[in-house]
Amino acid sequence: MESPPSFWKRWLRLLQFNLMYLGRPPWDTGVTPPELVEVVEDGVVPPGRAIDLGCGTGTNAIYLAWHGFDVIGVDSAVLAILKARWRARRAGVRVRFRLGLVTRLDFLRQPVHFALDIGCLHGLWEADRPRYAVALARHIRPGGYYLLYAWGNRGWAGLDPPEVAALFEDAFEILWTREGEEHGTPSFWYLMRRRPIDRLPALNRSDS
């Protein structure tokens, strides 16, 4: 595993990410993907409390709210959060959008029934991914669902299915994996269900 990045590396990446929202980042398509539509509208994941991890400008959080979910979206880009709040007001739905880190979810007062991550985990520093997994496991109820979209490993970003399995298999059962392609390299969708018992390391809360 790579060594944890320095404060300045973290700060520079966060700044670069925020600046992308001065315009329209390439990942901000404004379209809810069919994989999310499938699990929601086919009734695989019933309405309940949900969190959109790396929510961006709110497209999918708003979609979930339209379908009866009590949604909170979290993102580290302040411009994304401001745009998401504006979009939710315009859509006439109630979604709570919070500026924060996906590795620190202790602001959640109740466990969630559904967690969604479309393109957030694969951009985290490798050293932060175990904290993400532990934070998610702590805050999703047993039997709850987790839908993840992630690039395959590209060296500078992404992670392959064996890496995803190693990260989550102690706390989640992987129900299905679907391979696709983005920009000429593999990408993957995963639907997982929270196990009732897990063996994840008990990381200090201040580190998660």
N, C-alpha and C. Protein backbone atom coordinates (compact mmCIF):
# COMPACT_ATOMS: atom_id res chain seq x y z
N MET A 1 0.85 -1.20 0.00
CA MET A 1 0.00 0.00 0.00
C MET A 1 0.88 1.24 0.00
N GLU A 2 0.44 2.28 -0.71
CA GLU A 2 1.19 3.52 -0.75
C GLU A 2 1.20 4.18 0.62
N SER A 3 2.21 5.00 0.87
CA SER A 3 2.26 5.74 2.12
C SER A 3 1.23 6.86 2.09
N PRO A 4 0.72 7.27 3.27
CA PRO A 4 -0.28 8.35 3.29
C PRO A 4 0.27 9.63 2.68
N PRO A 5 -0.52 10.34 1.90
CA PRO A 5 -0.04 11.58 1.27
C PRO A 5 0.16 12.68 2.31
N SER A 6 1.03 13.61 1.99
CA SER A 6 1.29 14.73 2.89
C SER A 6 0.08 15.68 2.91
N PHE A 7 0.06 16.56 3.89
CA PHE A 7 -1.00 17.57 3.97
C PHE A 7 -1.06 18.37 2.68
N TRP A 8 0.08 18.75 2.13
CA TRP A 8 0.09 19.60 0.95
C TRP A 8 -0.41 18.87 -0.29
N LYS A 9 -0.11 17.58 -0.39
CA LYS A 9 -0.63 16.81 -1.51
C LYS A 9 -2.16 16.71 -1.43
N ARG A 10 -2.64 16.49 -0.22
CA ARG A 10 -4.09 16.42 -0.03
C ARG A 10 -4.74 17.76 -0.37
N TRP A 11 -4.14 18.83 0.13
CA TRP A 11 -4.69 20.15 -0.09
C TRP A 11 -4.71 20.50 -1.57
N LEU A 12 -3.63 20.18 -2.29
CA LEU A 12 -3.56 20.49 -3.72
C LEU A 12 -4.60 19.70 -4.50
N ARG A 13 -4.78 18.41 -4.18
CA ARG A 13 -5.78 17.63 -4.90
C ARG A 13 -7.18 18.16 -4.61
N LEU A 14 -7.45 18.52 -3.36
CA LEU A 14 -8.76 19.06 -3.02
C LEU A 14 -9.02 20.37 -3.75
N LEU A 15 -8.01 21.22 -3.84
CA LEU A 15 -8.15 22.48 -4.56
C LEU A 15 -8.43 22.22 -6.04
N GLN A 16 -7.68 21.32 -6.65
CA GLN A 16 -7.89 21.01 -8.07
C GLN A 16 -9.30 20.48 -8.30
N PHE A 17 -9.75 19.62 -7.40
CA PHE A 17 -11.08 19.03 -7.53
C PHE A 17 -12.15 20.11 -7.42
N ASN A 18 -12.00 21.03 -6.46
CA ASN A 18 -12.96 22.11 -6.30
C ASN A 18 -13.00 23.02 -7.52
N LEU A 19 -11.83 23.32 -8.08
CA LEU A 19 -11.77 24.22 -9.22
C LEU A 19 -12.48 23.65 -10.44
N MET A 20 -12.56 22.32 -10.53
CA MET A 20 -13.26 21.71 -11.65
C MET A 20 -14.72 22.15 -11.70
N TYR A 21 -15.29 22.46 -10.54
CA TYR A 21 -16.70 22.83 -10.49
C TYR A 21 -16.95 24.30 -10.82
N LEU A 22 -15.89 25.04 -11.18
CA LEU A 22 -16.11 26.36 -11.74
C LEU A 22 -16.77 26.24 -13.11
N GLY A 23 -16.54 25.10 -13.75
CA GLY A 23 -17.22 24.76 -14.99
C GLY A 23 -18.07 23.53 -14.76
N ARG A 24 -18.09 22.64 -15.74
CA ARG A 24 -18.84 21.39 -15.60
C ARG A 24 -17.86 20.23 -15.77
N PRO A 25 -17.54 19.54 -14.68
CA PRO A 25 -16.60 18.43 -14.78
C PRO A 25 -17.13 17.34 -15.71
N PRO A 26 -16.24 16.57 -16.32
CA PRO A 26 -16.69 15.54 -17.27
C PRO A 26 -17.58 14.48 -16.64
N TRP A 27 -17.43 14.26 -15.33
CA TRP A 27 -18.26 13.24 -14.68
C TRP A 27 -19.65 13.76 -14.31
N ASP A 28 -19.87 15.06 -14.42
CA ASP A 28 -21.15 15.65 -14.03
C ASP A 28 -22.09 15.64 -15.24
N THR A 29 -22.62 14.45 -15.55
CA THR A 29 -23.40 14.27 -16.77
C THR A 29 -24.85 14.73 -16.62
N GLY A 30 -25.34 14.80 -15.38
CA GLY A 30 -26.74 15.13 -15.18
C GLY A 30 -27.69 13.99 -15.50
N VAL A 31 -27.14 12.79 -15.69
CA VAL A 31 -27.96 11.62 -16.06
C VAL A 31 -27.82 10.56 -14.98
N THR A 32 -28.95 10.06 -14.49
CA THR A 32 -28.92 8.95 -13.53
C THR A 32 -28.66 7.65 -14.28
N PRO A 33 -27.64 6.88 -13.88
CA PRO A 33 -27.28 5.68 -14.65
C PRO A 33 -28.33 4.58 -14.52
N PRO A 34 -28.43 3.73 -15.54
CA PRO A 34 -29.46 2.68 -15.53
C PRO A 34 -29.30 1.68 -14.40
N GLU A 35 -28.07 1.48 -13.93
CA GLU A 35 -27.86 0.53 -12.83
C GLU A 35 -28.57 1.01 -11.56
N LEU A 36 -28.53 2.31 -11.29
CA LEU A 36 -29.24 2.85 -10.14
C LEU A 36 -30.75 2.79 -10.37
N VAL A 37 -31.18 3.16 -11.56
CA VAL A 37 -32.62 3.09 -11.90
C VAL A 37 -33.12 1.66 -11.69
N GLU A 38 -32.33 0.68 -12.11
CA GLU A 38 -32.74 -0.72 -12.00
C GLU A 38 -32.99 -1.13 -10.55
N VAL A 39 -32.01 -0.86 -9.68
CA VAL A 39 -32.16 -1.36 -8.31
C VAL A 39 -33.25 -0.61 -7.55
N VAL A 40 -33.52 0.63 -7.94
CA VAL A 40 -34.57 1.41 -7.28
C VAL A 40 -35.94 1.06 -7.84
N GLU A 41 -36.10 1.12 -9.15
CA GLU A 41 -37.42 0.98 -9.75
C GLU A 41 -37.87 -0.47 -9.88
N ASP A 42 -36.92 -1.42 -9.79
CA ASP A 42 -37.31 -2.83 -9.73
C ASP A 42 -37.56 -3.29 -8.30
N GLY A 43 -37.38 -2.40 -7.33
CA GLY A 43 -37.67 -2.73 -5.95
C GLY A 43 -36.61 -3.52 -5.23
N VAL A 44 -35.42 -3.65 -5.83
CA VAL A 44 -34.33 -4.36 -5.15
C VAL A 44 -33.95 -3.63 -3.87
N VAL A 45 -33.86 -2.30 -3.96
CA VAL A 45 -33.54 -1.46 -2.82
C VAL A 45 -34.79 -0.63 -2.51
N PRO A 46 -35.49 -0.95 -1.42
CA PRO A 46 -36.70 -0.18 -1.09
C PRO A 46 -36.34 1.18 -0.51
N PRO A 47 -37.26 2.14 -0.55
CA PRO A 47 -36.99 3.47 0.01
C PRO A 47 -36.65 3.40 1.49
N GLY A 48 -35.75 4.28 1.90
CA GLY A 48 -35.30 4.37 3.28
C GLY A 48 -34.29 5.49 3.38
N ARG A 49 -33.52 5.50 4.45
CA ARG A 49 -32.46 6.49 4.58
C ARG A 49 -31.31 6.13 3.64
N ALA A 50 -30.81 7.13 2.91
CA ALA A 50 -29.77 6.88 1.91
C ALA A 50 -28.70 7.96 2.00
N ILE A 51 -27.50 7.58 1.60
CA ILE A 51 -26.40 8.53 1.49
C ILE A 51 -25.76 8.40 0.12
N ASP A 52 -25.52 9.55 -0.50
CA ASP A 52 -24.82 9.61 -1.79
C ASP A 52 -23.41 10.11 -1.50
N LEU A 53 -22.44 9.22 -1.63
CA LEU A 53 -21.04 9.50 -1.30
C LEU A 53 -20.35 10.10 -2.52
N GLY A 54 -19.87 11.34 -2.37
CA GLY A 54 -19.34 12.04 -3.53
C GLY A 54 -20.48 12.46 -4.43
N CYS A 55 -21.44 13.18 -3.86
CA CYS A 55 -22.72 13.44 -4.53
C CYS A 55 -22.62 14.43 -5.69
N GLY A 56 -21.50 15.18 -5.79
CA GLY A 56 -21.38 16.15 -6.87
C GLY A 56 -22.50 17.17 -6.81
N THR A 57 -23.09 17.48 -7.95
CA THR A 57 -24.14 18.50 -8.01
C THR A 57 -25.54 17.94 -7.77
N GLY A 58 -25.62 16.70 -7.29
CA GLY A 58 -26.87 16.20 -6.75
C GLY A 58 -27.79 15.42 -7.66
N THR A 59 -27.37 15.09 -8.86
CA THR A 59 -28.26 14.40 -9.80
C THR A 59 -28.89 13.17 -9.19
N ASN A 60 -28.08 12.29 -8.60
CA ASN A 60 -28.59 11.01 -8.13
C ASN A 60 -29.25 11.11 -6.76
N ALA A 61 -28.78 12.03 -5.93
CA ALA A 61 -29.46 12.27 -4.66
C ALA A 61 -30.87 12.77 -4.90
N ILE A 62 -31.02 13.67 -5.86
CA ILE A 62 -32.36 14.18 -6.20
C ILE A 62 -33.23 13.07 -6.77
N TYR A 63 -32.67 12.22 -7.61
CA TYR A 63 -33.41 11.08 -8.15
C TYR A 63 -33.93 10.20 -7.01
N LEU A 64 -33.07 9.90 -6.03
CA LEU A 64 -33.49 9.06 -4.91
C LEU A 64 -34.60 9.74 -4.11
N ALA A 65 -34.48 11.04 -3.90
CA ALA A 65 -35.53 11.76 -3.16
C ALA A 65 -36.86 11.69 -3.91
N TRP A 66 -36.83 11.80 -5.21
CA TRP A 66 -38.05 11.67 -6.02
C TRP A 66 -38.72 10.31 -5.81
N HIS A 67 -37.90 9.30 -5.48
CA HIS A 67 -38.42 7.94 -5.33
C HIS A 67 -38.59 7.54 -3.87
N GLY A 68 -38.75 8.53 -3.01
CA GLY A 68 -39.17 8.25 -1.65
C GLY A 68 -38.07 8.04 -0.63
N PHE A 69 -36.81 8.25 -1.01
CA PHE A 69 -35.70 8.09 -0.06
C PHE A 69 -35.48 9.36 0.74
N ASP A 70 -35.06 9.19 1.98
CA ASP A 70 -34.60 10.29 2.82
C ASP A 70 -33.09 10.39 2.62
N VAL A 71 -32.64 11.39 1.89
CA VAL A 71 -31.28 11.39 1.33
C VAL A 71 -30.41 12.47 1.94
N ILE A 72 -29.16 12.09 2.18
CA ILE A 72 -28.12 13.06 2.48
C ILE A 72 -26.99 12.84 1.47
N GLY A 73 -26.50 13.93 0.91
CA GLY A 73 -25.38 13.87 -0.02
C GLY A 73 -24.16 14.51 0.62
N VAL A 74 -23.00 13.92 0.42
CA VAL A 74 -21.77 14.47 0.98
C VAL A 74 -20.72 14.57 -0.12
N ASP A 75 -20.01 15.69 -0.12
CA ASP A 75 -18.97 15.92 -1.11
C ASP A 75 -17.96 16.90 -0.51
N SER A 76 -16.71 16.81 -0.98
CA SER A 76 -15.65 17.70 -0.48
C SER A 76 -15.52 18.98 -1.30
N ALA A 77 -16.32 19.13 -2.35
CA ALA A 77 -16.24 20.31 -3.21
C ALA A 77 -17.36 21.28 -2.85
N VAL A 78 -17.00 22.43 -2.32
CA VAL A 78 -18.01 23.38 -1.86
C VAL A 78 -18.88 23.87 -3.01
N LEU A 79 -18.30 24.08 -4.19
CA LEU A 79 -19.11 24.54 -5.33
C LEU A 79 -20.11 23.48 -5.76
N ALA A 80 -19.73 22.21 -5.67
CA ALA A 80 -20.65 21.13 -6.00
C ALA A 80 -21.83 21.13 -5.03
N ILE A 81 -21.55 21.30 -3.74
CA ILE A 81 -22.61 21.30 -2.74
C ILE A 81 -23.56 22.48 -2.95
N LEU A 82 -23.01 23.65 -3.24
CA LEU A 82 -23.87 24.81 -3.49
C LEU A 82 -24.77 24.60 -4.70
N LYS A 83 -24.20 24.03 -5.76
CA LYS A 83 -25.00 23.75 -6.95
C LYS A 83 -26.05 22.69 -6.66
N ALA A 84 -25.69 21.68 -5.86
CA ALA A 84 -26.64 20.61 -5.53
C ALA A 84 -27.82 21.16 -4.74
N ARG A 85 -27.54 22.04 -3.78
CA ARG A 85 -28.63 22.63 -3.00
C ARG A 85 -29.57 23.44 -3.89
N TRP A 86 -28.99 24.18 -4.82
CA TRP A 86 -29.82 24.98 -5.74
C TRP A 86 -30.67 24.06 -6.61
N ARG A 87 -30.08 22.98 -7.10
CA ARG A 87 -30.82 22.07 -7.96
C ARG A 87 -31.95 21.38 -7.21
N ALA A 88 -31.71 21.01 -5.95
CA ALA A 88 -32.75 20.35 -5.17
C ALA A 88 -33.92 21.31 -4.92
N ARG A 89 -33.62 22.58 -4.62
CA ARG A 89 -34.69 23.55 -4.44
C ARG A 89 -35.50 23.72 -5.72
N ARG A 90 -34.78 23.78 -6.84
CA ARG A 90 -35.46 23.94 -8.13
C ARG A 90 -36.32 22.72 -8.45
N ALA A 91 -35.86 21.53 -8.04
CA ALA A 91 -36.62 20.30 -8.30
C ALA A 91 -37.77 20.11 -7.32
N GLY A 92 -37.77 20.88 -6.25
CA GLY A 92 -38.85 20.78 -5.28
C GLY A 92 -38.77 19.57 -4.38
N VAL A 93 -37.54 19.07 -4.11
CA VAL A 93 -37.37 17.93 -3.22
C VAL A 93 -36.47 18.32 -2.06
N ARG A 94 -36.61 17.57 -0.97
CA ARG A 94 -35.80 17.82 0.20
C ARG A 94 -34.64 16.84 0.22
N VAL A 95 -33.44 17.36 0.06
CA VAL A 95 -32.21 16.58 0.19
C VAL A 95 -31.25 17.39 1.05
N ARG A 96 -30.61 16.74 2.00
CA ARG A 96 -29.61 17.41 2.82
C ARG A 96 -28.25 17.21 2.17
N PHE A 97 -27.60 18.29 1.81
CA PHE A 97 -26.27 18.22 1.22
C PHE A 97 -25.26 18.77 2.23
N ARG A 98 -24.18 18.03 2.40
CA ARG A 98 -23.20 18.35 3.44
C ARG A 98 -21.80 18.39 2.84
N LEU A 99 -21.06 19.44 3.15
CA LEU A 99 -19.65 19.52 2.79
C LEU A 99 -18.85 18.68 3.77
N GLY A 100 -18.12 17.70 3.26
CA GLY A 100 -17.36 16.83 4.15
C GLY A 100 -16.61 15.77 3.39
N LEU A 101 -16.00 14.86 4.15
CA LEU A 101 -15.18 13.79 3.60
C LEU A 101 -15.93 12.47 3.71
N VAL A 102 -15.82 11.64 2.68
CA VAL A 102 -16.52 10.35 2.69
C VAL A 102 -15.87 9.36 3.64
N THR A 103 -14.68 9.65 4.13
CA THR A 103 -14.03 8.80 5.12
C THR A 103 -14.45 9.15 6.55
N ARG A 104 -15.28 10.17 6.71
CA ARG A 104 -15.72 10.60 8.03
C ARG A 104 -17.23 10.80 8.01
N LEU A 105 -17.94 9.80 8.48
CA LEU A 105 -19.40 9.80 8.37
C LEU A 105 -20.08 9.87 9.74
N ASP A 106 -19.38 10.29 10.75
CA ASP A 106 -19.96 10.32 12.09
C ASP A 106 -21.06 11.37 12.26
N PHE A 107 -21.27 12.21 11.25
CA PHE A 107 -22.39 13.14 11.30
C PHE A 107 -23.72 12.42 11.12
N LEU A 108 -23.70 11.17 10.65
CA LEU A 108 -24.94 10.42 10.48
C LEU A 108 -25.46 9.99 11.85
N ARG A 109 -26.66 10.40 12.17
CA ARG A 109 -27.22 10.12 13.49
C ARG A 109 -27.92 8.77 13.55
N GLN A 110 -28.31 8.25 12.38
CA GLN A 110 -28.95 6.95 12.29
C GLN A 110 -28.31 6.17 11.15
N PRO A 111 -28.28 4.85 11.24
CA PRO A 111 -27.73 4.07 10.14
C PRO A 111 -28.57 4.24 8.87
N VAL A 112 -27.92 4.14 7.73
CA VAL A 112 -28.62 4.28 6.46
C VAL A 112 -28.98 2.90 5.92
N HIS A 113 -29.98 2.88 5.06
CA HIS A 113 -30.43 1.65 4.42
C HIS A 113 -29.73 1.43 3.08
N PHE A 114 -29.25 2.53 2.49
CA PHE A 114 -28.67 2.44 1.14
C PHE A 114 -27.55 3.46 1.01
N ALA A 115 -26.42 3.01 0.50
CA ALA A 115 -25.29 3.89 0.20
C ALA A 115 -24.97 3.80 -1.28
N LEU A 116 -24.72 4.95 -1.87
CA LEU A 116 -24.43 5.04 -3.30
C LEU A 116 -23.09 5.75 -3.50
N ASP A 117 -22.26 5.17 -4.34
CA ASP A 117 -20.99 5.80 -4.69
C ASP A 117 -20.77 5.61 -6.18
N ILE A 118 -20.89 6.69 -6.93
CA ILE A 118 -20.64 6.65 -8.37
C ILE A 118 -19.39 7.47 -8.65
N GLY A 119 -18.24 6.79 -8.63
CA GLY A 119 -17.00 7.43 -9.04
C GLY A 119 -16.27 8.19 -7.95
N CYS A 120 -16.55 7.90 -6.67
CA CYS A 120 -15.83 8.58 -5.60
C CYS A 120 -14.69 7.73 -5.07
N LEU A 121 -14.98 6.50 -4.66
CA LEU A 121 -13.96 5.63 -4.07
C LEU A 121 -12.73 5.50 -4.96
N HIS A 122 -12.92 5.37 -6.26
CA HIS A 122 -11.77 5.10 -7.13
C HIS A 122 -10.81 6.28 -7.22
N GLY A 123 -11.24 7.46 -6.77
CA GLY A 123 -10.36 8.61 -6.79
C GLY A 123 -9.68 8.89 -5.45
N LEU A 124 -10.00 8.09 -4.42
CA LEU A 124 -9.36 8.30 -3.12
C LEU A 124 -7.92 7.83 -3.14
N TRP A 125 -7.11 8.44 -2.29
CA TRP A 125 -5.77 7.89 -2.07
C TRP A 125 -5.90 6.46 -1.57
N GLU A 126 -5.01 5.60 -2.00
CA GLU A 126 -5.08 4.19 -1.59
C GLU A 126 -5.06 4.06 -0.07
N ALA A 127 -4.29 4.89 0.60
CA ALA A 127 -4.18 4.82 2.06
C ALA A 127 -5.49 5.18 2.75
N ASP A 128 -6.39 5.89 2.07
CA ASP A 128 -7.66 6.31 2.67
C ASP A 128 -8.79 5.30 2.46
N ARG A 129 -8.59 4.34 1.58
CA ARG A 129 -9.68 3.43 1.24
C ARG A 129 -10.13 2.55 2.40
N PRO A 130 -9.21 2.00 3.23
CA PRO A 130 -9.69 1.24 4.39
C PRO A 130 -10.54 2.07 5.34
N ARG A 131 -10.20 3.35 5.53
CA ARG A 131 -11.01 4.22 6.39
C ARG A 131 -12.40 4.42 5.80
N TYR A 132 -12.46 4.56 4.49
CA TYR A 132 -13.75 4.67 3.81
C TYR A 132 -14.58 3.42 4.08
N ALA A 133 -13.98 2.24 3.91
CA ALA A 133 -14.71 0.98 4.08
C ALA A 133 -15.22 0.82 5.50
N VAL A 134 -14.40 1.18 6.48
CA VAL A 134 -14.81 1.05 7.88
C VAL A 134 -15.90 2.05 8.21
N ALA A 135 -15.77 3.30 7.72
CA ALA A 135 -16.80 4.31 7.97
C ALA A 135 -18.13 3.87 7.38
N LEU A 136 -18.10 3.31 6.17
CA LEU A 136 -19.33 2.86 5.53
C LEU A 136 -19.95 1.71 6.32
N ALA A 137 -19.13 0.74 6.72
CA ALA A 137 -19.65 -0.41 7.47
C ALA A 137 -20.26 0.02 8.79
N ARG A 138 -19.70 1.02 9.42
CA ARG A 138 -20.24 1.50 10.69
C ARG A 138 -21.61 2.13 10.56
N HIS A 139 -21.88 2.70 9.39
CA HIS A 139 -23.06 3.55 9.27
C HIS A 139 -24.13 3.03 8.33
N ILE A 140 -23.98 1.82 7.81
CA ILE A 140 -25.06 1.21 7.03
C ILE A 140 -25.58 0.03 7.83
N ARG A 141 -26.89 -0.08 7.91
CA ARG A 141 -27.48 -1.10 8.79
C ARG A 141 -27.29 -2.49 8.19
N PRO A 142 -27.24 -3.54 9.04
CA PRO A 142 -27.20 -4.91 8.51
C PRO A 142 -28.37 -5.16 7.56
N GLY A 143 -28.07 -5.74 6.43
CA GLY A 143 -29.08 -5.97 5.40
C GLY A 143 -29.24 -4.81 4.44
N GLY A 144 -28.57 -3.67 4.74
CA GLY A 144 -28.63 -2.53 3.85
C GLY A 144 -27.79 -2.75 2.59
N TYR A 145 -28.00 -1.92 1.59
CA TYR A 145 -27.36 -2.10 0.29
C TYR A 145 -26.36 -0.98 -0.01
N TYR A 146 -25.40 -1.35 -0.85
CA TYR A 146 -24.33 -0.42 -1.26
C TYR A 146 -24.11 -0.63 -2.76
N LEU A 147 -24.35 0.41 -3.55
CA LEU A 147 -24.13 0.36 -4.99
C LEU A 147 -22.91 1.20 -5.32
N LEU A 148 -21.92 0.58 -5.93
CA LEU A 148 -20.63 1.21 -6.21
C LEU A 148 -20.31 1.15 -7.69
N TYR A 149 -19.86 2.29 -8.22
CA TYR A 149 -19.27 2.32 -9.55
C TYR A 149 -17.82 2.77 -9.41
N ALA A 150 -16.91 1.99 -9.98
CA ALA A 150 -15.49 2.33 -9.86
C ALA A 150 -14.74 1.91 -11.11
N TRP A 151 -13.77 2.72 -11.50
CA TRP A 151 -12.86 2.34 -12.57
C TRP A 151 -12.03 1.14 -12.15
N GLY A 152 -11.59 0.37 -13.15
CA GLY A 152 -10.53 -0.58 -12.90
C GLY A 152 -9.22 0.16 -12.62
N ASN A 153 -8.25 -0.55 -12.12
CA ASN A 153 -6.99 0.06 -11.70
C ASN A 153 -6.25 0.64 -12.91
N ARG A 154 -6.01 1.95 -12.86
CA ARG A 154 -5.30 2.64 -13.93
C ARG A 154 -3.93 3.12 -13.47
N GLY A 155 -3.49 2.66 -12.31
CA GLY A 155 -2.21 3.10 -11.78
C GLY A 155 -2.36 4.32 -10.90
N TRP A 156 -2.84 5.41 -11.47
CA TRP A 156 -3.01 6.64 -10.71
C TRP A 156 -4.38 6.74 -10.05
N ALA A 157 -5.29 5.86 -10.43
CA ALA A 157 -6.63 5.84 -9.85
C ALA A 157 -7.25 4.48 -10.16
N GLY A 158 -8.36 4.18 -9.48
CA GLY A 158 -9.10 2.97 -9.77
C GLY A 158 -8.66 1.78 -8.92
N LEU A 159 -9.50 0.76 -8.95
CA LEU A 159 -9.19 -0.49 -8.26
C LEU A 159 -9.97 -1.62 -8.93
N ASP A 160 -9.32 -2.78 -9.04
CA ASP A 160 -9.90 -3.92 -9.74
C ASP A 160 -10.80 -4.73 -8.80
N PRO A 161 -11.66 -5.61 -9.36
CA PRO A 161 -12.57 -6.38 -8.52
C PRO A 161 -11.91 -7.13 -7.36
N PRO A 162 -10.74 -7.76 -7.51
CA PRO A 162 -10.14 -8.39 -6.32
C PRO A 162 -9.80 -7.39 -5.22
N GLU A 163 -9.42 -6.17 -5.60
CA GLU A 163 -9.15 -5.14 -4.60
C GLU A 163 -10.43 -4.70 -3.90
N VAL A 164 -11.51 -4.58 -4.66
CA VAL A 164 -12.80 -4.23 -4.07
C VAL A 164 -13.24 -5.33 -3.10
N ALA A 165 -13.11 -6.58 -3.52
CA ALA A 165 -13.50 -7.70 -2.66
C ALA A 165 -12.69 -7.70 -1.37
N ALA A 166 -11.39 -7.49 -1.48
CA ALA A 166 -10.54 -7.48 -0.28
C ALA A 166 -10.92 -6.35 0.66
N LEU A 167 -11.35 -5.23 0.11
CA LEU A 167 -11.68 -4.06 0.91
C LEU A 167 -13.00 -4.24 1.66
N PHE A 168 -13.97 -4.92 1.04
CA PHE A 168 -15.32 -4.94 1.59
C PHE A 168 -15.84 -6.30 2.03
N GLU A 169 -15.18 -7.40 1.69
CA GLU A 169 -15.81 -8.70 1.85
C GLU A 169 -16.06 -9.08 3.31
N ASP A 170 -15.34 -8.52 4.26
CA ASP A 170 -15.59 -8.85 5.66
C ASP A 170 -16.91 -8.26 6.16
N ALA A 171 -17.35 -7.15 5.58
CA ALA A 171 -18.56 -6.49 6.04
C ALA A 171 -19.71 -6.56 5.04
N PHE A 172 -19.41 -6.87 3.77
CA PHE A 172 -20.43 -6.86 2.74
C PHE A 172 -20.38 -8.13 1.90
N GLU A 173 -21.55 -8.57 1.48
CA GLU A 173 -21.67 -9.64 0.49
C GLU A 173 -21.84 -9.00 -0.88
N ILE A 174 -21.00 -9.36 -1.82
CA ILE A 174 -21.12 -8.83 -3.18
C ILE A 174 -22.17 -9.65 -3.92
N LEU A 175 -23.30 -9.01 -4.26
CA LEU A 175 -24.40 -9.72 -4.92
C LEU A 175 -24.16 -9.87 -6.40
N TRP A 176 -23.63 -8.81 -7.04
CA TRP A 176 -23.25 -8.93 -8.44
C TRP A 176 -22.21 -7.89 -8.81
N THR A 177 -21.46 -8.22 -9.85
CA THR A 177 -20.46 -7.33 -10.43
C THR A 177 -20.71 -7.28 -11.92
N ARG A 178 -20.70 -6.09 -12.51
CA ARG A 178 -20.89 -5.94 -13.95
C ARG A 178 -19.75 -5.12 -14.52
N GLU A 179 -19.17 -5.62 -15.56
CA GLU A 179 -18.04 -4.93 -16.18
C GLU A 179 -18.52 -4.09 -17.35
N GLY A 180 -17.94 -2.90 -17.45
CA GLY A 180 -18.19 -2.02 -18.58
C GLY A 180 -16.88 -1.44 -19.07
N GLU A 181 -16.95 -0.28 -19.69
CA GLU A 181 -15.75 0.36 -20.21
C GLU A 181 -15.95 1.86 -20.19
N GLU A 182 -14.91 2.57 -19.79
CA GLU A 182 -14.94 4.03 -19.82
C GLU A 182 -13.58 4.51 -20.29
N HIS A 183 -13.58 5.32 -21.32
CA HIS A 183 -12.35 5.86 -21.89
C HIS A 183 -11.36 4.75 -22.26
N GLY A 184 -11.89 3.64 -22.76
CA GLY A 184 -11.05 2.57 -23.26
C GLY A 184 -10.49 1.63 -22.23
N THR A 185 -10.84 1.79 -20.96
CA THR A 185 -10.36 0.88 -19.92
C THR A 185 -11.55 0.37 -19.12
N PRO A 186 -11.39 -0.79 -18.47
CA PRO A 186 -12.53 -1.40 -17.76
C PRO A 186 -13.02 -0.55 -16.59
N SER A 187 -14.32 -0.63 -16.38
CA SER A 187 -14.95 -0.06 -15.19
C SER A 187 -15.97 -1.08 -14.70
N PHE A 188 -16.39 -0.93 -13.45
CA PHE A 188 -17.21 -1.97 -12.84
C PHE A 188 -18.31 -1.36 -11.95
N TRP A 189 -19.46 -2.04 -11.98
CA TRP A 189 -20.54 -1.78 -11.04
C TRP A 189 -20.60 -2.95 -10.06
N TYR A 190 -20.88 -2.64 -8.80
CA TYR A 190 -21.01 -3.65 -7.76
C TYR A 190 -22.26 -3.36 -6.94
N LEU A 191 -23.06 -4.37 -6.69
CA LEU A 191 -24.14 -4.26 -5.72
C LEU A 191 -23.80 -5.16 -4.54
N MET A 192 -23.77 -4.56 -3.35
CA MET A 192 -23.40 -5.30 -2.14
C MET A 192 -24.50 -5.17 -1.10
N ARG A 193 -24.50 -6.14 -0.17
CA ARG A 193 -25.43 -6.10 0.96
C ARG A 193 -24.63 -6.25 2.26
N ARG A 194 -24.98 -5.43 3.23
CA ARG A 194 -24.26 -5.42 4.50
C ARG A 194 -24.50 -6.71 5.26
N ARG A 195 -23.41 -7.35 5.69
CA ARG A 195 -23.51 -8.55 6.49
C ARG A 195 -23.93 -8.19 7.92
N PRO A 196 -24.56 -9.14 8.64
CA PRO A 196 -24.90 -8.87 10.04
C PRO A 196 -23.69 -8.87 10.96
N ILE A 197 -22.64 -9.59 10.58
CA ILE A 197 -21.41 -9.66 11.38
C ILE A 197 -20.24 -9.42 10.45
N ASP A 198 -19.24 -8.70 10.92
CA ASP A 198 -18.06 -8.45 10.09
C ASP A 198 -16.82 -8.54 10.94
N ARG A 199 -15.69 -8.53 10.26
CA ARG A 199 -14.40 -8.63 10.92
C ARG A 199 -13.49 -7.47 10.54
N LEU A 200 -14.09 -6.32 10.23
CA LEU A 200 -13.29 -5.16 9.88
C LEU A 200 -12.51 -4.67 11.09
N PRO A 201 -11.30 -4.13 10.86
CA PRO A 201 -10.53 -3.62 11.99
C PRO A 201 -11.23 -2.45 12.66
N ALA A 202 -11.09 -2.38 13.96
CA ALA A 202 -11.73 -1.29 14.72
C ALA A 202 -10.82 -0.08 14.71
N LEU A 203 -10.88 0.70 13.64
CA LEU A 203 -10.06 1.89 13.55
C LEU A 203 -10.55 2.94 14.55
N ASN A 204 -9.65 3.72 15.04
CA ASN A 204 -9.99 4.83 15.93
C ASN A 204 -10.93 5.76 15.22
N ARG A 205 -12.00 6.20 15.88
CA ARG A 205 -12.98 7.07 15.24
C ARG A 205 -12.37 8.35 14.73
N SER A 206 -11.35 8.86 15.41
CA SER A 206 -10.74 10.09 14.97
C SER A 206 -9.98 9.92 13.66
N ASP A 207 -9.69 8.65 13.30
CA ASP A 207 -8.98 8.39 12.06
C ASP A 207 -9.93 8.03 10.92
N SER A 208 -11.19 7.86 11.19
CA SER A 208 -12.11 7.36 10.17
C SER A 208 -12.94 8.44 9.53
